[in-house]
Amino acid sequence: MLGLLVAFGALTLRLVGVVFGPPEGPRTPVHASYVPMFAHLLLVLLAGIWLPDPLVRWFQTIAAQLG
């Protein structure tokens, strides 16, 4: 438990510096790619419309085990 608290404290200190620290790096606008976002949205839409049969059986097995 002590190790988890120390790790959490170290992570918190690092994140505080990232979030509230001074900005670093170039100040030019970033040209992001929309391809990963649309690919993920397409996969989510596809999973909502159709799932392969082995995946459906696996989900049903897990749901039956969970009760």
PDB file of N, CA and C in Angstrom:
ATOM      1  N   MET A   1       0.819  -1.181   0.000  1.00  0.00           N
ATOM      2  CA  MET A   1       0.000   0.000   0.000  1.00  0.00           C
ATOM      3  C   MET A   1       0.877   1.264   0.000  1.00  0.00           C
ATOM      4  N   LEU A   2       1.963   1.202   0.724  1.00  0.00           N
ATOM      5  CA  LEU A   2       2.860   2.345   0.770  1.00  0.00           C
ATOM      6  C   LEU A   2       3.471   2.611  -0.605  1.00  0.00           C
ATOM      7  N   GLY A   3       3.819   1.552  -1.311  1.00  0.00           N
ATOM      8  CA  GLY A   3       4.368   1.707  -2.660  1.00  0.00           C
ATOM      9  C   GLY A   3       3.377   2.365  -3.606  1.00  0.00           C
ATOM     10  N   LEU A   4       2.104   2.006  -3.490  1.00  0.00           N
ATOM     11  CA  LEU A   4       1.083   2.629  -4.325  1.00  0.00           C
ATOM     12  C   LEU A   4       0.939   4.110  -4.002  1.00  0.00           C
ATOM     13  N   LEU A   5       1.001   4.454  -2.727  1.00  0.00           N
ATOM     14  CA  LEU A   5       0.903   5.866  -2.341  1.00  0.00           C
ATOM     15  C   LEU A   5       2.088   6.670  -2.858  1.00  0.00           C
ATOM     16  N   VAL A   6       3.284   6.099  -2.781  1.00  0.00           N
ATOM     17  CA  VAL A   6       4.471   6.792  -3.282  1.00  0.00           C
ATOM     18  C   VAL A   6       4.368   6.969  -4.802  1.00  0.00           C
ATOM     19  N   ALA A   7       3.940   5.922  -5.512  1.00  0.00           N
ATOM     20  CA  ALA A   7       3.799   6.014  -6.967  1.00  0.00           C
ATOM     21  C   ALA A   7       2.734   7.042  -7.343  1.00  0.00           C
ATOM     22  N   PHE A   8       1.635   7.065  -6.606  1.00  0.00           N
ATOM     23  CA  PHE A   8       0.581   8.038  -6.886  1.00  0.00           C
ATOM     24  C   PHE A   8       1.078   9.458  -6.641  1.00  0.00           C
ATOM     25  N   GLY A   9       1.826   9.649  -5.566  1.00  0.00           N
ATOM     26  CA  GLY A   9       2.375  10.971  -5.279  1.00  0.00           C
ATOM     27  C   GLY A   9       3.340  11.433  -6.350  1.00  0.00           C
ATOM     28  N   ALA A  10       4.208  10.534  -6.807  1.00  0.00           N
ATOM     29  CA  ALA A  10       5.169  10.890  -7.854  1.00  0.00           C
ATOM     30  C   ALA A  10       4.444  11.229  -9.160  1.00  0.00           C
ATOM     31  N   LEU A  11       3.434  10.449  -9.497  1.00  0.00           N
ATOM     32  CA  LEU A  11       2.660  10.719 -10.709  1.00  0.00           C
ATOM     33  C   LEU A  11       1.935  12.054 -10.596  1.00  0.00           C
ATOM     34  N   THR A  12       1.386  12.331  -9.417  1.00  0.00           N
ATOM     35  CA  THR A  12       0.684  13.594  -9.212  1.00  0.00           C
ATOM     36  C   THR A  12       1.638  14.782  -9.354  1.00  0.00           C
ATOM     37  N   LEU A  13       2.822  14.677  -8.775  1.00  0.00           N
ATOM     38  CA  LEU A  13       3.796  15.766  -8.901  1.00  0.00           C
ATOM     39  C   LEU A  13       4.180  15.994 -10.362  1.00  0.00           C
ATOM     40  N   ARG A  14       4.366  14.924 -11.109  1.00  0.00           N
ATOM     41  CA  ARG A  14       4.739  15.052 -12.524  1.00  0.00           C
ATOM     42  C   ARG A  14       3.598  15.693 -13.323  1.00  0.00           C
ATOM     43  N   LEU A  15       2.367  15.274 -13.062  1.00  0.00           N
ATOM     44  CA  LEU A  15       1.233  15.815 -13.808  1.00  0.00           C
ATOM     45  C   LEU A  15       0.961  17.270 -13.460  1.00  0.00           C
ATOM     46  N   VAL A  16       1.187  17.670 -12.224  1.00  0.00           N
ATOM     47  CA  VAL A  16       0.992  19.068 -11.846  1.00  0.00           C
ATOM     48  C   VAL A  16       1.948  19.944 -12.656  1.00  0.00           C
ATOM     49  N   GLY A  17       3.184  19.493 -12.828  1.00  0.00           N
ATOM     50  CA  GLY A  17       4.129  20.250 -13.634  1.00  0.00           C
ATOM     51  C   GLY A  17       3.721  20.334 -15.092  1.00  0.00           C
ATOM     52  N   VAL A  18       3.158  19.264 -15.607  1.00  0.00           N
ATOM     53  CA  VAL A  18       2.729  19.252 -17.009  1.00  0.00           C
ATOM     54  C   VAL A  18       1.517  20.154 -17.208  1.00  0.00           C
ATOM     55  N   VAL A  19       0.556  20.080 -16.301  1.00  0.00           N
ATOM     56  CA  VAL A  19      -0.698  20.816 -16.467  1.00  0.00           C
ATOM     57  C   VAL A  19      -0.535  22.298 -16.145  1.00  0.00           C
ATOM     58  N   PHE A  20       0.147  22.607 -15.055  1.00  0.00           N
ATOM     59  CA  PHE A  20       0.219  23.988 -14.602  1.00  0.00           C
ATOM     60  C   PHE A  20       1.567  24.657 -14.855  1.00  0.00           C
ATOM     61  N   GLY A  21       2.508  23.958 -15.443  1.00  0.00           N
ATOM     62  CA  GLY A  21       3.829  24.516 -15.701  1.00  0.00           C
ATOM     63  C   GLY A  21       3.836  25.434 -16.908  1.00  0.00           C
ATOM     64  N   PRO A  22       4.957  26.089 -17.136  1.00  0.00           N
ATOM     65  CA  PRO A  22       5.045  26.980 -18.306  1.00  0.00           C
ATOM     66  C   PRO A  22       5.067  26.161 -19.601  1.00  0.00           C
ATOM     67  N   PRO A  23       4.502  26.712 -20.672  1.00  0.00           N
ATOM     68  CA  PRO A  23       4.485  25.972 -21.940  1.00  0.00           C
ATOM     69  C   PRO A  23       5.890  25.840 -22.525  1.00  0.00           C
ATOM     70  N   GLU A  24       6.125  24.719 -23.169  1.00  0.00           N
ATOM     71  CA  GLU A  24       7.417  24.459 -23.801  1.00  0.00           C
ATOM     72  C   GLU A  24       7.188  24.064 -25.248  1.00  0.00           C
ATOM     73  N   GLY A  25       8.212  24.203 -26.052  1.00  0.00           N
ATOM     74  CA  GLY A  25       8.134  23.774 -27.436  1.00  0.00           C
ATOM     75  C   GLY A  25       7.694  24.899 -28.357  1.00  0.00           C
ATOM     76  N   PRO A  26       7.535  24.573 -29.635  1.00  0.00           N
ATOM     77  CA  PRO A  26       7.168  25.600 -30.612  1.00  0.00           C
ATOM     78  C   PRO A  26       5.736  26.088 -30.390  1.00  0.00           C
ATOM     79  N   ARG A  27       5.503  27.327 -30.753  1.00  0.00           N
ATOM     80  CA  ARG A  27       4.186  27.931 -30.564  1.00  0.00           C
ATOM     81  C   ARG A  27       3.394  27.977 -31.884  1.00  0.00           C
ATOM     82  N   THR A  28       3.732  27.117 -32.816  1.00  0.00           N
ATOM     83  CA  THR A  28       3.021  27.088 -34.095  1.00  0.00           C
ATOM     84  C   THR A  28       1.813  26.176 -33.982  1.00  0.00           C
ATOM     85  N   PRO A  29       0.784  26.428 -34.772  1.00  0.00           N
ATOM     86  CA  PRO A  29      -0.396  25.558 -34.730  1.00  0.00           C
ATOM     87  C   PRO A  29      -0.047  24.138 -35.182  1.00  0.00           C
ATOM     88  N   VAL A  30      -0.715  23.183 -34.596  1.00  0.00           N
ATOM     89  CA  VAL A  30      -0.497  21.777 -34.934  1.00  0.00           C
ATOM     90  C   VAL A  30      -1.513  21.370 -35.999  1.00  0.00           C
ATOM     91  N   HIS A  31      -1.026  20.741 -37.035  1.00  0.00           N
ATOM     92  CA  HIS A  31      -1.911  20.247 -38.084  1.00  0.00           C
ATOM     93  C   HIS A  31      -2.192  18.773 -37.812  1.00  0.00           C
ATOM     94  N   ALA A  32      -3.309  18.523 -37.143  1.00  0.00           N
ATOM     95  CA  ALA A  32      -3.657  17.166 -36.746  1.00  0.00           C
ATOM     96  C   ALA A  32      -4.304  16.424 -37.914  1.00  0.00           C
ATOM     97  N   SER A  33      -4.187  15.118 -37.864  1.00  0.00           N
ATOM     98  CA  SER A  33      -4.804  14.272 -38.868  1.00  0.00           C
ATOM     99  C   SER A  33      -6.147  13.763 -38.333  1.00  0.00           C
ATOM    100  N   TYR A  34      -7.154  13.823 -39.172  1.00  0.00           N
ATOM    101  CA  TYR A  34      -8.467  13.341 -38.774  1.00  0.00           C
ATOM    102  C   TYR A  34      -8.644  11.855 -39.070  1.00  0.00           C
ATOM    103  N   VAL A  35      -7.673  11.241 -39.716  1.00  0.00           N
ATOM    104  CA  VAL A  35      -7.792   9.829 -40.104  1.00  0.00           C
ATOM    105  C   VAL A  35      -7.976   8.915 -38.886  1.00  0.00           C
ATOM    106  N   PRO A  36      -7.179   9.021 -37.810  1.00  0.00           N
ATOM    107  CA  PRO A  36      -7.386   8.125 -36.661  1.00  0.00           C
ATOM    108  C   PRO A  36      -8.754   8.304 -36.015  1.00  0.00           C
ATOM    109  N   MET A  37      -9.230   9.544 -35.927  1.00  0.00           N
ATOM    110  CA  MET A  37     -10.532   9.776 -35.309  1.00  0.00           C
ATOM    111  C   MET A  37     -11.645   9.142 -36.134  1.00  0.00           C
ATOM    112  N   PHE A  38     -11.627   9.339 -37.442  1.00  0.00           N
ATOM    113  CA  PHE A  38     -12.674   8.771 -38.278  1.00  0.00           C
ATOM    114  C   PHE A  38     -12.561   7.245 -38.370  1.00  0.00           C
ATOM    115  N   ALA A  39     -11.356   6.703 -38.313  1.00  0.00           N
ATOM    116  CA  ALA A  39     -11.194   5.252 -38.315  1.00  0.00           C
ATOM    117  C   ALA A  39     -11.807   4.660 -37.048  1.00  0.00           C
ATOM    118  N   HIS A  40     -11.579   5.301 -35.915  1.00  0.00           N
ATOM    119  CA  HIS A  40     -12.163   4.822 -34.662  1.00  0.00           C
ATOM    120  C   HIS A  40     -13.686   4.932 -34.702  1.00  0.00           C
ATOM    121  N   LEU A  41     -14.217   6.041 -35.193  1.00  0.00           N
ATOM    122  CA  LEU A  41     -15.663   6.192 -35.294  1.00  0.00           C
ATOM    123  C   LEU A  41     -16.268   5.145 -36.220  1.00  0.00           C
ATOM    124  N   LEU A  42     -15.576   4.822 -37.299  1.00  0.00           N
ATOM    125  CA  LEU A  42     -16.062   3.794 -38.218  1.00  0.00           C
ATOM    126  C   LEU A  42     -16.092   2.426 -37.542  1.00  0.00           C
ATOM    127  N   LEU A  43     -15.038   2.114 -36.757  1.00  0.00           N
ATOM    128  CA  LEU A  43     -15.020   0.835 -36.046  1.00  0.00           C
ATOM    129  C   LEU A  43     -16.140   0.746 -35.010  1.00  0.00           C
ATOM    130  N   VAL A  44     -16.397   1.825 -34.303  1.00  0.00           N
ATOM    131  CA  VAL A  44     -17.471   1.828 -33.311  1.00  0.00           C
ATOM    132  C   VAL A  44     -18.824   1.663 -33.996  1.00  0.00           C
ATOM    133  N   LEU A  45     -19.034   2.355 -35.111  1.00  0.00           N
ATOM    134  CA  LEU A  45     -20.276   2.220 -35.859  1.00  0.00           C
ATOM    135  C   LEU A  45     -20.443   0.801 -36.380  1.00  0.00           C
ATOM    136  N   LEU A  46     -19.385   0.234 -36.911  1.00  0.00           N
ATOM    137  CA  LEU A  46     -19.430  -1.129 -37.419  1.00  0.00           C
ATOM    138  C   LEU A  46     -19.748  -2.121 -36.304  1.00  0.00           C
ATOM    139  N   ALA A  47     -19.140  -1.928 -35.126  1.00  0.00           N
ATOM    140  CA  ALA A  47     -19.404  -2.820 -33.998  1.00  0.00           C
ATOM    141  C   ALA A  47     -20.843  -2.674 -33.518  1.00  0.00           C
ATOM    142  N   GLY A  48     -21.423  -1.478 -33.663  1.00  0.00           N
ATOM    143  CA  GLY A  48     -22.816  -1.287 -33.259  1.00  0.00           C
ATOM    144  C   GLY A  48     -23.798  -1.913 -34.228  1.00  0.00           C
ATOM    145  N   ILE A  49     -23.404  -2.058 -35.475  1.00  0.00           N
ATOM    146  CA  ILE A  49     -24.298  -2.625 -36.491  1.00  0.00           C
ATOM    147  C   ILE A  49     -24.083  -4.130 -36.643  1.00  0.00           C
ATOM    148  N   TRP A  50     -22.817  -4.559 -36.680  1.00  0.00           N
ATOM    149  CA  TRP A  50     -22.517  -5.965 -36.933  1.00  0.00           C
ATOM    150  C   TRP A  50     -21.277  -6.384 -36.168  1.00  0.00           C
ATOM    151  N   LEU A  51     -21.370  -7.527 -35.486  1.00  0.00           N
ATOM    152  CA  LEU A  51     -20.213  -8.119 -34.822  1.00  0.00           C
ATOM    153  C   LEU A  51     -20.020  -9.537 -35.352  1.00  0.00           C
ATOM    154  N   PRO A  52     -18.798  -9.981 -35.507  1.00  0.00           N
ATOM    155  CA  PRO A  52     -18.565 -11.361 -35.944  1.00  0.00           C
ATOM    156  C   PRO A  52     -19.137 -12.345 -34.917  1.00  0.00           C
ATOM    157  N   ASP A  53     -19.608 -13.481 -35.413  1.00  0.00           N
ATOM    158  CA  ASP A  53     -20.262 -14.471 -34.560  1.00  0.00           C
ATOM    159  C   ASP A  53     -19.371 -14.960 -33.403  1.00  0.00           C
ATOM    160  N   PRO A  54     -18.081 -15.242 -33.617  1.00  0.00           N
ATOM    161  CA  PRO A  54     -17.259 -15.662 -32.472  1.00  0.00           C
ATOM    162  C   PRO A  54     -17.179 -14.599 -31.370  1.00  0.00           C
ATOM    163  N   LEU A  55     -17.162 -13.360 -31.764  1.00  0.00           N
ATOM    164  CA  LEU A  55     -17.116 -12.286 -30.772  1.00  0.00           C
ATOM    165  C   LEU A  55     -18.428 -12.200 -30.002  1.00  0.00           C
ATOM    166  N   VAL A  56     -19.544 -12.385 -30.686  1.00  0.00           N
ATOM    167  CA  VAL A  56     -20.846 -12.384 -30.019  1.00  0.00           C
ATOM    168  C   VAL A  56     -20.931 -13.537 -29.041  1.00  0.00           C
ATOM    169  N   ARG A  57     -20.485 -14.729 -29.433  1.00  0.00           N
ATOM    170  CA  ARG A  57     -20.512 -15.888 -28.517  1.00  0.00           C
ATOM    171  C   ARG A  57     -19.624 -15.646 -27.304  1.00  0.00           C
ATOM    172  N   TRP A  58     -18.476 -15.013 -27.529  1.00  0.00           N
ATOM    173  CA  TRP A  58     -17.572 -14.722 -26.417  1.00  0.00           C
ATOM    174  C   TRP A  58     -18.219 -13.751 -25.432  1.00  0.00           C
ATOM    175  N   PHE A  59     -18.860 -12.699 -25.950  1.00  0.00           N
ATOM    176  CA  PHE A  59     -19.565 -11.758 -25.079  1.00  0.00           C
ATOM    177  C   PHE A  59     -20.691 -12.446 -24.311  1.00  0.00           C
ATOM    178  N   GLN A  60     -21.413 -13.342 -24.969  1.00  0.00           N
ATOM    179  CA  GLN A  60     -22.488 -14.060 -24.292  1.00  0.00           C
ATOM    180  C   GLN A  60     -21.954 -14.964 -23.202  1.00  0.00           C
ATOM    181  N   THR A  61     -20.825 -15.606 -23.440  1.00  0.00           N
ATOM    182  CA  THR A  61     -20.201 -16.456 -22.423  1.00  0.00           C
ATOM    183  C   THR A  61     -19.778 -15.626 -21.209  1.00  0.00           C
ATOM    184  N   ILE A  62     -19.178 -14.508 -21.444  1.00  0.00           N
ATOM    185  CA  ILE A  62     -18.751 -13.627 -20.347  1.00  0.00           C
ATOM    186  C   ILE A  62     -19.960 -13.118 -19.578  1.00  0.00           C
ATOM    187  N   ALA A  63     -21.020 -12.716 -20.290  1.00  0.00           N
ATOM    188  CA  ALA A  63     -22.220 -12.230 -19.623  1.00  0.00           C
ATOM    189  C   ALA A  63     -22.872 -13.317 -18.786  1.00  0.00           C
ATOM    190  N   ALA A  64     -22.866 -14.566 -19.284  1.00  0.00           N
ATOM    191  CA  ALA A  64     -23.438 -15.677 -18.517  1.00  0.00           C
ATOM    192  C   ALA A  64     -22.616 -15.951 -17.254  1.00  0.00           C
ATOM    193  N   GLN A  65     -21.288 -15.821 -17.350  1.00  0.00           N
ATOM    194  CA  GLN A  65     -20.445 -16.035 -16.178  1.00  0.00           C
ATOM    195  C   GLN A  65     -20.622 -14.936 -15.148  1.00  0.00           C
ATOM    196  N   LEU A  66     -20.895 -13.723 -15.596  1.00  0.00           N
ATOM    197  CA  LEU A  66     -21.099 -12.621 -14.662  1.00  0.00           C
ATOM    198  C   LEU A  66     -22.465 -12.673 -13.999  1.00  0.00           C
ATOM    199  N   GLY A  67     -23.376 -13.399 -14.605  1.00  0.00           N
ATOM    200  CA  GLY A  67     -24.690 -13.582 -13.976  1.00  0.00           C
ATOM    201  C   GLY A  67     -25.689 -12.741 -14.629  1.00  0.00           C
TER     202      GLY A  67
END
